[in-house]
């Protein structure tokens, strides 16, 4: 009996899963390496340190259960991009698995808050956004799997440890994920400078419902489909006639304003 061949899309999906399971990345810099070592959810494969970095990390490698390779700082044997400031510390790891998005977004005290990034590709911006998301208690930072900054050493270094604690979820389709969040009860506010609705007023009007802040890449901003899927477009008010913020700064201000509005609504 002839066995039916698998459809091409099934084969490609299985291949993608195998490649994802085998993927590794190098995290570098003392803060990023220390936080990765102390994260029990992070699978560590190889640790390379200079003698100075090993001294500064103290017992972190021992607590992580991994023996470091002590390297000559003049010939650091790790495949990093030229110019990477590794501070004599690098660890090869597997990407984190944050589990099901629904569980992340619906678990926690108080009104939920998530950040959605529409094609923000700069790892330094995403790293900074992860830091702000952790500070202001966002349950997740969500981005499309394609055309967004992947989990890399540069992102982890900018995040300064937040990558190990702040869920960063990359999804197949951002607009479909937005619809799923709406089904969970989230109100989605897209940041757009031309809006006449202030963010804080919009969040306060959402009462006790969870909120999603949607930010686009610098320059193109939100795509049309993303805009249409938002419940409303809002702005960060500027003191002058014209004001513009880097996307990571805009995310920090928006997170602060949203959190304060949510707390005020509960008070």
C-alpha atoms as a PDB file:
ATOM      1  CA  UNK A   1       0.000   0.000   0.000  1.00  0.00           C
ATOM      2  CA  UNK A   2       1.396   3.366  -1.011  1.00  0.00           C
ATOM      3  CA  UNK A   3       1.747   5.867   1.811  1.00  0.00           C
ATOM      4  CA  UNK A   4       0.384   9.304   0.949  1.00  0.00           C
ATOM      5  CA  UNK A   5       3.001  12.021   0.879  1.00  0.00           C
ATOM      6  CA  UNK A   6       2.690  14.795   3.402  1.00  0.00           C
ATOM      7  CA  UNK A   7       1.522  18.157   2.051  1.00  0.00           C
ATOM      8  CA  UNK A   8       4.278  20.671   1.449  1.00  0.00           C
ATOM      9  CA  UNK A   9       2.995  23.010   4.162  1.00  0.00           C
ATOM     10  CA  UNK A  10       3.113  20.196   6.745  1.00  0.00           C
ATOM     11  CA  UNK A  11       6.709  19.365   5.802  1.00  0.00           C
ATOM     12  CA  UNK A  12       7.740  23.025   6.039  1.00  0.00           C
ATOM     13  CA  UNK A  13       6.048  23.423   9.424  1.00  0.00           C
ATOM     14  CA  UNK A  14       7.792  20.319  10.795  1.00  0.00           C
ATOM     15  CA  UNK A  15      11.136  21.568   9.456  1.00  0.00           C
ATOM     16  CA  UNK A  16      10.599  24.965  11.077  1.00  0.00           C
ATOM     17  CA  UNK A  17       9.840  23.300  14.407  1.00  0.00           C
ATOM     18  CA  UNK A  18      13.020  21.181  14.215  1.00  0.00           C
ATOM     19  CA  UNK A  19      15.116  24.231  13.367  1.00  0.00           C
ATOM     20  CA  UNK A  20      13.563  26.210  16.205  1.00  0.00           C
ATOM     21  CA  UNK A  21      14.266  23.410  18.665  1.00  0.00           C
ATOM     22  CA  UNK A  22      17.923  23.350  17.600  1.00  0.00           C
ATOM     23  CA  UNK A  23      18.399  27.143  17.551  1.00  0.00           C
ATOM     24  CA  UNK A  24      20.877  28.731  19.917  1.00  0.00           C
ATOM     25  CA  UNK A  25      22.126  32.255  20.510  1.00  0.00           C
ATOM     26  CA  UNK A  26      24.994  33.908  22.314  1.00  0.00           C
ATOM     27  CA  UNK A  27      24.191  36.372  25.100  1.00  0.00           C
ATOM     28  CA  UNK A  28      27.034  38.665  26.105  1.00  0.00           C
ATOM     29  CA  UNK A  29      27.876  41.314  28.658  1.00  0.00           C
ATOM     30  CA  UNK A  30      28.090  40.835  32.415  1.00  0.00           C
ATOM     31  CA  UNK A  31      24.487  41.816  33.258  1.00  0.00           C
ATOM     32  CA  UNK A  32      22.901  39.753  30.487  1.00  0.00           C
ATOM     33  CA  UNK A  33      25.085  36.714  31.220  1.00  0.00           C
ATOM     34  CA  UNK A  34      24.544  36.868  34.983  1.00  0.00           C
ATOM     35  CA  UNK A  35      20.751  37.094  34.611  1.00  0.00           C
ATOM     36  CA  UNK A  36      20.725  34.244  32.085  1.00  0.00           C
ATOM     37  CA  UNK A  37      22.817  32.082  34.414  1.00  0.00           C
ATOM     38  CA  UNK A  38      20.453  32.742  37.316  1.00  0.00           C
ATOM     39  CA  UNK A  39      17.318  32.069  35.270  1.00  0.00           C
ATOM     40  CA  UNK A  40      16.312  28.419  35.843  1.00  0.00           C
ATOM     41  CA  UNK A  41      14.062  28.535  32.767  1.00  0.00           C
ATOM     42  CA  UNK A  42      16.995  29.349  30.482  1.00  0.00           C
ATOM     43  CA  UNK A  43      18.813  26.371  28.976  1.00  0.00           C
ATOM     44  CA  UNK A  44      22.562  27.069  29.077  1.00  0.00           C
ATOM     45  CA  UNK A  45      24.922  25.202  26.744  1.00  0.00           C
ATOM     46  CA  UNK A  46      28.327  26.857  26.904  1.00  0.00           C
ATOM     47  CA  UNK A  47      29.865  29.603  29.046  1.00  0.00           C
ATOM     48  CA  UNK A  48      33.005  31.510  28.026  1.00  0.00           C
ATOM     49  CA  UNK A  49      34.617  33.969  30.436  1.00  0.00           C
ATOM     50  CA  UNK A  50      37.821  35.852  30.854  1.00  0.00           C
ATOM     51  CA  UNK A  51      39.468  35.562  34.282  1.00  0.00           C
ATOM     52  CA  UNK A  52      38.324  39.081  35.161  1.00  0.00           C
ATOM     53  CA  UNK A  53      34.718  38.372  34.141  1.00  0.00           C
ATOM     54  CA  UNK A  54      34.731  35.104  36.090  1.00  0.00           C
ATOM     55  CA  UNK A  55      35.822  36.972  39.209  1.00  0.00           C
ATOM     56  CA  UNK A  56      33.074  39.567  38.720  1.00  0.00           C
ATOM     57  CA  UNK A  57      30.368  36.936  38.211  1.00  0.00           C
ATOM     58  CA  UNK A  58      31.283  35.223  41.465  1.00  0.00           C
ATOM     59  CA  UNK A  59      29.333  32.036  42.135  1.00  0.00           C
ATOM     60  CA  UNK A  60      26.733  32.573  39.382  1.00  0.00           C
ATOM     61  CA  UNK A  61      28.191  29.827  37.116  1.00  0.00           C
ATOM     62  CA  UNK A  62      28.266  27.355  39.987  1.00  0.00           C
ATOM     63  CA  UNK A  63      24.672  28.169  40.902  1.00  0.00           C
ATOM     64  CA  UNK A  64      23.712  27.651  37.256  1.00  0.00           C
ATOM     65  CA  UNK A  65      25.483  24.289  37.178  1.00  0.00           C
ATOM     66  CA  UNK A  66      27.764  25.145  34.278  1.00  0.00           C
ATOM     67  CA  UNK A  67      31.556  25.201  34.241  1.00  0.00           C
ATOM     68  CA  UNK A  68      33.056  28.197  32.417  1.00  0.00           C
ATOM     69  CA  UNK A  69      35.758  28.049  29.782  1.00  0.00           C
ATOM     70  CA  UNK A  70      38.392  30.620  30.756  1.00  0.00           C
ATOM     71  CA  UNK A  71      39.514  32.497  27.648  1.00  0.00           C
ATOM     72  CA  UNK A  72      42.269  34.900  26.694  1.00  0.00           C
ATOM     73  CA  UNK A  73      40.631  38.368  26.358  1.00  0.00           C
ATOM     74  CA  UNK A  74      42.768  39.021  23.255  1.00  0.00           C
ATOM     75  CA  UNK A  75      41.334  35.952  21.481  1.00  0.00           C
ATOM     76  CA  UNK A  76      37.780  35.653  22.770  1.00  0.00           C
ATOM     77  CA  UNK A  77      36.544  32.420  21.088  1.00  0.00           C
ATOM     78  CA  UNK A  78      32.879  33.339  20.597  1.00  0.00           C
ATOM     79  CA  UNK A  79      31.132  34.126  17.264  1.00  0.00           C
ATOM     80  CA  UNK A  80      29.981  37.680  18.052  1.00  0.00           C
ATOM     81  CA  UNK A  81      29.548  40.606  15.705  1.00  0.00           C
ATOM     82  CA  UNK A  82      32.584  42.899  15.548  1.00  0.00           C
ATOM     83  CA  UNK A  83      32.196  45.724  18.012  1.00  0.00           C
ATOM     84  CA  UNK A  84      30.077  43.735  20.466  1.00  0.00           C
ATOM     85  CA  UNK A  85      30.975  44.890  23.978  1.00  0.00           C
ATOM     86  CA  UNK A  86      31.072  41.473  25.627  1.00  0.00           C
ATOM     87  CA  UNK A  87      32.994  42.510  28.787  1.00  0.00           C
ATOM     88  CA  UNK A  88      34.679  39.102  28.727  1.00  0.00           C
ATOM     89  CA  UNK A  89      31.449  37.159  29.255  1.00  0.00           C
ATOM     90  CA  UNK A  90      29.296  35.174  26.822  1.00  0.00           C
ATOM     91  CA  UNK A  91      26.902  32.276  27.226  1.00  0.00           C
ATOM     92  CA  UNK A  92      25.344  30.105  24.527  1.00  0.00           C
ATOM     93  CA  UNK A  93      21.686  29.455  25.267  1.00  0.00           C
ATOM     94  CA  UNK A  94      18.421  28.328  23.720  1.00  0.00           C
ATOM     95  CA  UNK A  95      15.589  30.840  23.246  1.00  0.00           C
ATOM     96  CA  UNK A  96      13.110  31.084  26.100  1.00  0.00           C
ATOM     97  CA  UNK A  97       9.710  29.437  25.860  1.00  0.00           C
ATOM     98  CA  UNK A  98       7.114  31.625  27.586  1.00  0.00           C
ATOM     99  CA  UNK A  99       4.245  29.204  27.077  1.00  0.00           C
ATOM    100  CA  UNK A 100       0.718  30.019  25.977  1.00  0.00           C
ATOM    101  CA  UNK A 101      -0.067  33.661  25.265  1.00  0.00           C
ATOM    102  CA  UNK A 102      -3.531  33.440  26.833  1.00  0.00           C
ATOM    103  CA  UNK A 103      -2.095  32.300  30.149  1.00  0.00           C
ATOM    104  CA  UNK A 104       0.490  35.097  30.173  1.00  0.00           C
ATOM    105  CA  UNK A 105      -1.992  37.836  29.334  1.00  0.00           C
ATOM    106  CA  UNK A 106      -4.780  36.788  31.678  1.00  0.00           C
ATOM    107  CA  UNK A 107      -2.731  35.947  34.770  1.00  0.00           C
ATOM    108  CA  UNK A 108      -1.781  38.553  37.352  1.00  0.00           C
ATOM    109  CA  UNK A 109      -3.187  41.081  39.776  1.00  0.00           C
ATOM    110  CA  UNK A 110      -5.073  44.209  38.725  1.00  0.00           C
ATOM    111  CA  UNK A 111      -6.026  45.290  35.199  1.00  0.00           C
ATOM    112  CA  UNK A 112      -3.818  43.664  32.600  1.00  0.00           C
ATOM    113  CA  UNK A 113      -1.378  45.626  30.452  1.00  0.00           C
ATOM    114  CA  UNK A 114       0.461  44.368  27.363  1.00  0.00           C
ATOM    115  CA  UNK A 115       2.575  45.995  24.645  1.00  0.00           C
ATOM    116  CA  UNK A 116       2.278  45.088  20.961  1.00  0.00           C
ATOM    117  CA  UNK A 117       5.014  46.095  18.515  1.00  0.00           C
ATOM    118  CA  UNK A 118       4.210  46.389  14.825  1.00  0.00           C
ATOM    119  CA  UNK A 119       7.443  45.654  12.929  1.00  0.00           C
ATOM    120  CA  UNK A 120       9.853  47.272  15.386  1.00  0.00           C
ATOM    121  CA  UNK A 121      13.096  45.749  14.130  1.00  0.00           C
ATOM    122  CA  UNK A 122      15.835  47.583  16.048  1.00  0.00           C
ATOM    123  CA  UNK A 123      17.047  45.276  18.875  1.00  0.00           C
ATOM    124  CA  UNK A 124      18.159  48.246  20.956  1.00  0.00           C
ATOM    125  CA  UNK A 125      14.649  49.732  20.845  1.00  0.00           C
ATOM    126  CA  UNK A 126      13.046  46.398  21.709  1.00  0.00           C
ATOM    127  CA  UNK A 127      15.535  45.814  24.531  1.00  0.00           C
ATOM    128  CA  UNK A 128      14.715  49.224  26.009  1.00  0.00           C
ATOM    129  CA  UNK A 129      10.972  48.523  25.660  1.00  0.00           C
ATOM    130  CA  UNK A 130      11.400  45.244  27.549  1.00  0.00           C
ATOM    131  CA  UNK A 131      13.045  47.140  30.409  1.00  0.00           C
ATOM    132  CA  UNK A 132      10.162  49.621  30.561  1.00  0.00           C
ATOM    133  CA  UNK A 133       7.586  46.830  30.295  1.00  0.00           C
ATOM    134  CA  UNK A 134       9.148  45.096  33.283  1.00  0.00           C
ATOM    135  CA  UNK A 135       9.270  48.309  35.334  1.00  0.00           C
ATOM    136  CA  UNK A 136       5.595  49.117  34.722  1.00  0.00           C
ATOM    137  CA  UNK A 137       4.304  45.579  35.107  1.00  0.00           C
ATOM    138  CA  UNK A 138       3.305  44.650  31.560  1.00  0.00           C
ATOM    139  CA  UNK A 139       2.343  41.017  31.273  1.00  0.00           C
ATOM    140  CA  UNK A 140       3.921  40.576  27.846  1.00  0.00           C
ATOM    141  CA  UNK A 141       5.570  42.334  24.924  1.00  0.00           C
ATOM    142  CA  UNK A 142       4.188  40.884  21.696  1.00  0.00           C
ATOM    143  CA  UNK A 143       5.666  41.201  18.201  1.00  0.00           C
ATOM    144  CA  UNK A 144       5.297  39.414  14.856  1.00  0.00           C
ATOM    145  CA  UNK A 145       7.719  36.562  14.257  1.00  0.00           C
ATOM    146  CA  UNK A 146       8.759  38.137  10.950  1.00  0.00           C
ATOM    147  CA  UNK A 147       9.927  41.720  10.540  1.00  0.00           C
ATOM    148  CA  UNK A 148      10.638  42.234  14.243  1.00  0.00           C
ATOM    149  CA  UNK A 149      13.746  42.091  16.394  1.00  0.00           C
ATOM    150  CA  UNK A 150      14.546  38.471  17.320  1.00  0.00           C
ATOM    151  CA  UNK A 151      16.006  37.379  20.628  1.00  0.00           C
ATOM    152  CA  UNK A 152      19.701  38.239  20.218  1.00  0.00           C
ATOM    153  CA  UNK A 153      22.715  39.131  22.290  1.00  0.00           C
ATOM    154  CA  UNK A 154      22.393  42.810  21.341  1.00  0.00           C
ATOM    155  CA  UNK A 155      18.751  42.870  22.434  1.00  0.00           C
ATOM    156  CA  UNK A 156      19.555  41.081  25.690  1.00  0.00           C
ATOM    157  CA  UNK A 157      22.397  43.472  26.507  1.00  0.00           C
ATOM    158  CA  UNK A 158      20.167  46.527  25.958  1.00  0.00           C
ATOM    159  CA  UNK A 159      17.418  44.897  28.032  1.00  0.00           C
ATOM    160  CA  UNK A 160      19.975  44.570  30.864  1.00  0.00           C
ATOM    161  CA  UNK A 161      18.444  41.385  32.259  1.00  0.00           C
ATOM    162  CA  UNK A 162      14.787  42.144  31.489  1.00  0.00           C
ATOM    163  CA  UNK A 163      14.802  39.564  28.676  1.00  0.00           C
ATOM    164  CA  UNK A 164      15.058  36.843  31.333  1.00  0.00           C
ATOM    165  CA  UNK A 165      12.023  38.105  33.275  1.00  0.00           C
ATOM    166  CA  UNK A 166       9.774  39.998  30.865  1.00  0.00           C
ATOM    167  CA  UNK A 167       7.842  37.774  28.436  1.00  0.00           C
ATOM    168  CA  UNK A 168       8.720  38.592  24.816  1.00  0.00           C
ATOM    169  CA  UNK A 169       6.328  36.672  22.577  1.00  0.00           C
ATOM    170  CA  UNK A 170       6.699  36.586  18.805  1.00  0.00           C
ATOM    171  CA  UNK A 171       3.526  35.519  17.023  1.00  0.00           C
ATOM    172  CA  UNK A 172       2.723  34.371  13.502  1.00  0.00           C
ATOM    173  CA  UNK A 173       0.114  37.036  12.777  1.00  0.00           C
ATOM    174  CA  UNK A 174      -0.136  40.263  14.790  1.00  0.00           C
ATOM    175  CA  UNK A 175      -3.655  41.268  13.742  1.00  0.00           C
ATOM    176  CA  UNK A 176      -5.047  37.815  14.562  1.00  0.00           C
ATOM    177  CA  UNK A 177      -3.322  37.979  17.944  1.00  0.00           C
ATOM    178  CA  UNK A 178      -4.934  41.378  18.510  1.00  0.00           C
ATOM    179  CA  UNK A 179      -8.335  39.823  17.809  1.00  0.00           C
ATOM    180  CA  UNK A 180      -7.548  37.076  20.317  1.00  0.00           C
ATOM    181  CA  UNK A 181      -6.697  39.703  22.922  1.00  0.00           C
ATOM    182  CA  UNK A 182     -10.005  41.436  22.246  1.00  0.00           C
ATOM    183  CA  UNK A 183     -11.754  38.108  22.861  1.00  0.00           C
ATOM    184  CA  UNK A 184      -9.953  38.014  26.225  1.00  0.00           C
ATOM    185  CA  UNK A 185     -11.453  41.410  27.076  1.00  0.00           C
ATOM    186  CA  UNK A 186      -8.520  43.673  26.168  1.00  0.00           C
ATOM    187  CA  UNK A 187      -9.033  47.178  24.788  1.00  0.00           C
ATOM    188  CA  UNK A 188      -6.360  47.976  22.199  1.00  0.00           C
ATOM    189  CA  UNK A 189      -5.040  51.521  21.816  1.00  0.00           C
ATOM    190  CA  UNK A 190      -2.781  52.325  18.872  1.00  0.00           C
ATOM    191  CA  UNK A 191      -0.280  55.155  19.308  1.00  0.00           C
ATOM    192  CA  UNK A 192      -0.681  57.679  16.475  1.00  0.00           C
ATOM    193  CA  UNK A 193       0.488  61.279  16.604  1.00  0.00           C
ATOM    194  CA  UNK A 194      -2.430  62.589  14.553  1.00  0.00           C
ATOM    195  CA  UNK A 195      -5.052  61.331  17.018  1.00  0.00           C
ATOM    196  CA  UNK A 196      -6.918  63.923  19.086  1.00  0.00           C
ATOM    197  CA  UNK A 197      -7.549  61.504  21.975  1.00  0.00           C
ATOM    198  CA  UNK A 198      -5.073  61.533  24.853  1.00  0.00           C
ATOM    199  CA  UNK A 199      -3.814  58.119  25.959  1.00  0.00           C
ATOM    200  CA  UNK A 200      -4.464  58.682  29.672  1.00  0.00           C
ATOM    201  CA  UNK A 201      -8.089  59.721  29.013  1.00  0.00           C
ATOM    202  CA  UNK A 202      -8.669  56.698  26.785  1.00  0.00           C
ATOM    203  CA  UNK A 203      -7.264  54.246  29.353  1.00  0.00           C
ATOM    204  CA  UNK A 204      -9.256  55.860  32.158  1.00  0.00           C
ATOM    205  CA  UNK A 205     -12.374  55.426  30.022  1.00  0.00           C
ATOM    206  CA  UNK A 206     -11.667  51.722  29.686  1.00  0.00           C
ATOM    207  CA  UNK A 207     -12.562  51.318  33.370  1.00  0.00           C
ATOM    208  CA  UNK A 208     -11.188  48.034  34.731  1.00  0.00           C
ATOM    209  CA  UNK A 209     -10.668  46.333  31.386  1.00  0.00           C
ATOM    210  CA  UNK A 210      -7.154  45.141  30.446  1.00  0.00           C
ATOM    211  CA  UNK A 211      -5.277  47.352  27.974  1.00  0.00           C
ATOM    212  CA  UNK A 212      -2.998  46.711  25.030  1.00  0.00           C
ATOM    213  CA  UNK A 213      -0.689  49.473  23.801  1.00  0.00           C
ATOM    214  CA  UNK A 214       0.134  49.119  20.103  1.00  0.00           C
ATOM    215  CA  UNK A 215       3.222  50.888  18.735  1.00  0.00           C
ATOM    216  CA  UNK A 216       4.567  50.982  15.206  1.00  0.00           C
ATOM    217  CA  UNK A 217       8.063  51.291  13.845  1.00  0.00           C
ATOM    218  CA  UNK A 218       9.644  54.703  13.568  1.00  0.00           C
ATOM    219  CA  UNK A 219       8.916  56.231  10.189  1.00  0.00           C
ATOM    220  CA  UNK A 220       6.143  53.992   8.808  1.00  0.00           C
ATOM    221  CA  UNK A 221       4.267  53.765  12.109  1.00  0.00           C
ATOM    222  CA  UNK A 222       1.311  51.385  12.356  1.00  0.00           C
ATOM    223  CA  UNK A 223       0.318  49.426   9.281  1.00  0.00           C
ATOM    224  CA  UNK A 224      -3.229  49.918   7.963  1.00  0.00           C
ATOM    225  CA  UNK A 225      -4.369  46.464   9.097  1.00  0.00           C
ATOM    226  CA  UNK A 226      -2.966  47.082  12.572  1.00  0.00           C
ATOM    227  CA  UNK A 227      -4.686  50.477  12.792  1.00  0.00           C
ATOM    228  CA  UNK A 228      -7.995  48.983  11.717  1.00  0.00           C
ATOM    229  CA  UNK A 229      -7.735  46.249  14.355  1.00  0.00           C
ATOM    230  CA  UNK A 230      -7.161  48.721  17.215  1.00  0.00           C
ATOM    231  CA  UNK A 231     -10.213  49.825  19.199  1.00  0.00           C
ATOM    232  CA  UNK A 232      -9.007  53.429  19.080  1.00  0.00           C
ATOM    233  CA  UNK A 233      -6.014  55.549  18.095  1.00  0.00           C
ATOM    234  CA  UNK A 234      -4.538  57.702  20.837  1.00  0.00           C
ATOM    235  CA  UNK A 235      -1.678  60.149  21.300  1.00  0.00           C
ATOM    236  CA  UNK A 236       0.900  61.154  23.851  1.00  0.00           C
ATOM    237  CA  UNK A 237       0.218  64.895  24.232  1.00  0.00           C
ATOM    238  CA  UNK A 238       3.160  67.214  23.515  1.00  0.00           C
ATOM    239  CA  UNK A 239       3.752  70.530  25.255  1.00  0.00           C
ATOM    240  CA  UNK A 240       4.572  72.332  22.025  1.00  0.00           C
ATOM    241  CA  UNK A 241       2.956  72.393  18.631  1.00  0.00           C
ATOM    242  CA  UNK A 242       5.102  69.497  17.473  1.00  0.00           C
ATOM    243  CA  UNK A 243       6.562  66.616  19.412  1.00  0.00           C
ATOM    244  CA  UNK A 244       8.146  63.316  18.424  1.00  0.00           C
ATOM    245  CA  UNK A 245       9.552  60.476  20.512  1.00  0.00           C
ATOM    246  CA  UNK A 246      11.740  57.497  19.710  1.00  0.00           C
ATOM    247  CA  UNK A 247       9.588  54.344  19.825  1.00  0.00           C
ATOM    248  CA  UNK A 248      11.266  53.052  22.991  1.00  0.00           C
ATOM    249  CA  UNK A 249      10.760  56.414  24.726  1.00  0.00           C
ATOM    250  CA  UNK A 250       7.161  56.523  23.512  1.00  0.00           C
ATOM    251  CA  UNK A 251       6.613  53.028  24.936  1.00  0.00           C
ATOM    252  CA  UNK A 252       8.011  54.062  28.329  1.00  0.00           C
ATOM    253  CA  UNK A 253       5.802  57.173  28.501  1.00  0.00           C
ATOM    254  CA  UNK A 254       2.747  55.248  27.298  1.00  0.00           C
ATOM    255  CA  UNK A 255       3.307  52.449  29.826  1.00  0.00           C
ATOM    256  CA  UNK A 256       3.628  54.963  32.652  1.00  0.00           C
ATOM    257  CA  UNK A 257       0.521  56.887  31.578  1.00  0.00           C
ATOM    258  CA  UNK A 258      -1.507  53.706  31.139  1.00  0.00           C
ATOM    259  CA  UNK A 259      -0.459  52.276  34.486  1.00  0.00           C
ATOM    260  CA  UNK A 260      -1.226  55.523  36.308  1.00  0.00           C
ATOM    261  CA  UNK A 261      -4.632  55.759  34.604  1.00  0.00           C
ATOM    262  CA  UNK A 262      -5.404  52.153  35.539  1.00  0.00           C
ATOM    263  CA  UNK A 263      -4.381  52.723  39.140  1.00  0.00           C
ATOM    264  CA  UNK A 264      -6.401  55.942  39.272  1.00  0.00           C
ATOM    265  CA  UNK A 265      -9.453  54.164  37.953  1.00  0.00           C
ATOM    266  CA  UNK A 266      -9.165  51.605  40.759  1.00  0.00           C
ATOM    267  CA  UNK A 267      -8.703  54.255  43.439  1.00  0.00           C
END
